[in-house]
Structure formats: C-alpha cells, structure tokens
Protein backbone atom coordinates (compact mmCIF):
# COMPACT_ATOMS: atom_id res chain seq x y z
CA MET A 1 0.11 -0.30 -0.06
CA THR A 2 1.45 3.44 -0.63
CA GLU A 3 2.13 5.99 2.12
CA LEU A 4 0.87 9.36 2.68
CA ASN A 5 2.39 12.69 4.17
CA ILE A 6 0.12 15.35 5.04
CA THR A 7 2.47 17.66 2.30
CA ASP A 8 1.16 15.35 0.13
CA TRP A 9 -2.26 15.12 0.81
CA GLN A 10 -2.42 19.18 1.31
CA ALA A 11 -1.27 19.47 -2.17
CA TYR A 12 -3.43 17.31 -3.63
CA LEU A 13 -6.56 18.59 -1.70
CA ALA A 14 -5.46 22.07 -2.62
CA ASN A 15 -5.70 21.19 -6.15
CA ARG A 16 -8.71 19.63 -5.58
CA TYR A 17 -10.60 22.65 -3.83
CA ALA A 18 -9.00 25.11 -5.88
CA GLY A 19 -11.05 28.25 -5.56
CA GLY A 20 -11.55 28.33 -1.56
CA GLN A 21 -14.41 26.27 -1.18
CA GLU A 22 -13.81 27.44 2.70
CA GLN A 23 -18.07 27.59 3.53
CA SER A 24 -19.05 24.30 1.62
CA LEU A 25 -15.62 22.24 3.13
CA PHE A 26 -17.05 23.57 7.10
CA MET A 27 -20.33 22.67 6.25
CA LYS A 28 -18.85 18.70 4.95
CA LEU A 29 -16.78 18.61 8.12
CA VAL A 30 -19.58 19.38 10.11
CA GLU A 31 -22.00 16.80 8.62
CA GLU A 32 -19.48 14.19 8.72
CA MET A 33 -18.43 15.07 12.15
CA GLY A 34 -22.65 13.95 13.27
CA GLU A 35 -21.62 10.82 10.81
CA VAL A 36 -18.92 10.30 13.02
CA ALA A 37 -21.42 10.58 16.43
CA GLU A 38 -24.24 8.78 14.91
CA VAL A 39 -22.02 5.57 14.43
CA LEU A 40 -20.38 5.75 17.90
CA ASN A 41 -24.33 6.32 19.77
CA GLN A 42 -24.71 2.67 17.55
CA LYS A 43 -21.76 1.03 18.70
CA ALA A 44 -22.72 1.75 22.16
CA GLY A 45 -26.20 0.88 21.48
CA ARG A 46 -28.14 4.18 21.86
CA LYS A 47 -29.13 3.46 18.32
CA ALA A 48 -29.74 0.99 15.73
CA THR A 49 -27.91 0.26 12.98
CA GLU A 50 -28.12 -1.88 9.90
CA VAL A 51 -24.33 -1.57 9.82
CA GLU A 52 -22.64 -4.62 9.70
CA ASP A 53 -19.26 -3.54 10.42
CA LEU A 54 -18.97 -0.44 12.69
CA GLN A 55 -15.48 -0.31 13.38
CA LYS A 56 -14.86 0.16 9.61
CA GLU A 57 -17.97 2.45 9.30
CA LEU A 58 -16.23 4.16 12.26
CA GLY A 59 -12.43 4.14 10.72
CA LEU A 60 -14.31 5.73 7.17
CA GLU A 61 -16.60 8.11 8.55
CA LEU A 62 -13.14 9.81 10.30
CA VAL A 63 -11.32 10.13 7.59
CA ASP A 64 -13.97 12.31 6.10
CA VAL A 65 -13.78 14.43 9.29
CA ILE A 66 -9.71 14.27 8.59
CA HIS A 67 -10.26 14.62 4.75
CA TYR A 68 -12.59 18.26 4.94
CA ALA A 69 -10.00 19.54 8.13
CA VAL A 70 -7.05 18.78 5.63
CA ALA A 71 -8.72 20.76 2.52
CA ILE A 72 -9.72 23.18 4.68
CA ALA A 73 -5.85 23.48 5.58
CA ALA A 74 -5.03 23.47 2.04
CA VAL A 75 -7.34 25.83 0.58
CA ASN A 76 -5.96 28.53 3.23
CA ASN A 77 -2.04 27.58 2.81
CA LEU A 78 -1.91 26.26 5.81
CA ASN A 79 1.47 23.93 6.69
CA LEU A 80 -0.34 21.34 9.12
CA ASN A 81 3.43 19.69 8.94
CA GLN A 82 4.87 22.32 11.19
CA LEU A 83 1.29 23.17 13.18
CA ILE A 84 1.51 19.81 14.22
CA PHE A 85 4.44 19.50 15.59
CA GLU A 86 4.19 23.50 16.68
CA LYS A 87 0.87 22.23 18.45
CA ASP A 88 2.40 19.51 20.02
CA GLU A 89 5.06 20.83 21.22
CA ARG A 90 3.12 24.03 22.88
CA ALA A 91 0.87 21.24 24.90
CA SER A 92 3.54 18.97 25.87
CA VAL A 93 5.10 22.02 27.61
CA LYS A 94 1.36 23.03 29.13
CA TYR A 95 0.61 19.41 30.23
CA GLY A 96 4.00 18.75 31.19
CA HIS A 97 4.22 15.82 28.82
CA THR A 98 8.18 13.99 28.90
CA MET A 99 7.62 13.03 25.62
CA ASN A 100 6.24 15.30 22.64
CA LEU A 101 5.74 13.86 18.77
CA THR A 102 9.29 15.05 17.93
CA LYS A 103 11.38 12.41 20.33
CA PHE A 104 8.61 10.13 19.82
CA LEU A 105 9.86 9.91 15.81
CA ALA A 106 13.44 10.12 17.17
CA LYS A 107 13.39 7.09 18.93
CA LYS A 108 11.00 5.02 15.61
C-alpha cells in the first residue's frame, strides 16, 4: 500500500478544491462529525443500525472528517505538517509531557 504524507495530501486537496470553498468544506466537516457521532451511538447500542461492521464504518467516517479538515487547511495555505509539530510542542510543555512528537519520532 502506498504511504501518504500530509504535505502531499494537502497539495492534492488544494488542487481538488481550488477556488477556496471554505464555507462548503466546513459544512461538510460538520456533517461528517455528525456521522461519526451516529456511528458511535450505534456502537454503544443507543441507536439501531443495519451496518454490519461498525468499526470499519467508524474508520470511514473519521477519514471523511480528516479529509475536510485537511482540505480547509489546504485551501488556506496552512502547513499542517509544521503546525502539528508546533501544537504538539506547546501541548507537551503546557501539560508537562516528557514525550512529544519530535522525540517520539526520533526514537523510532
């Protein structure tokens, strides 16, 4: 299977959604988050379902959420790769974590 990195995915999505469709992308993101909530309710038995593999369905809905979040970043020319490391570093300091993403990857 081909490996995917965030930078390439952002370039692909920036091309796909050229013209800056922020509002519609955001609405799709919210819609997909609702679908994740629905699957989680089904997994917890709070909602009936006809889906056989709820675990796979959850994964597919999470991919949709990530897709639209990355697409919004792409059309706004945000470097998610850089921002993920910056945000993780800040959170590590704020919450006193001894391991941050940079250190984790260095140990790999």
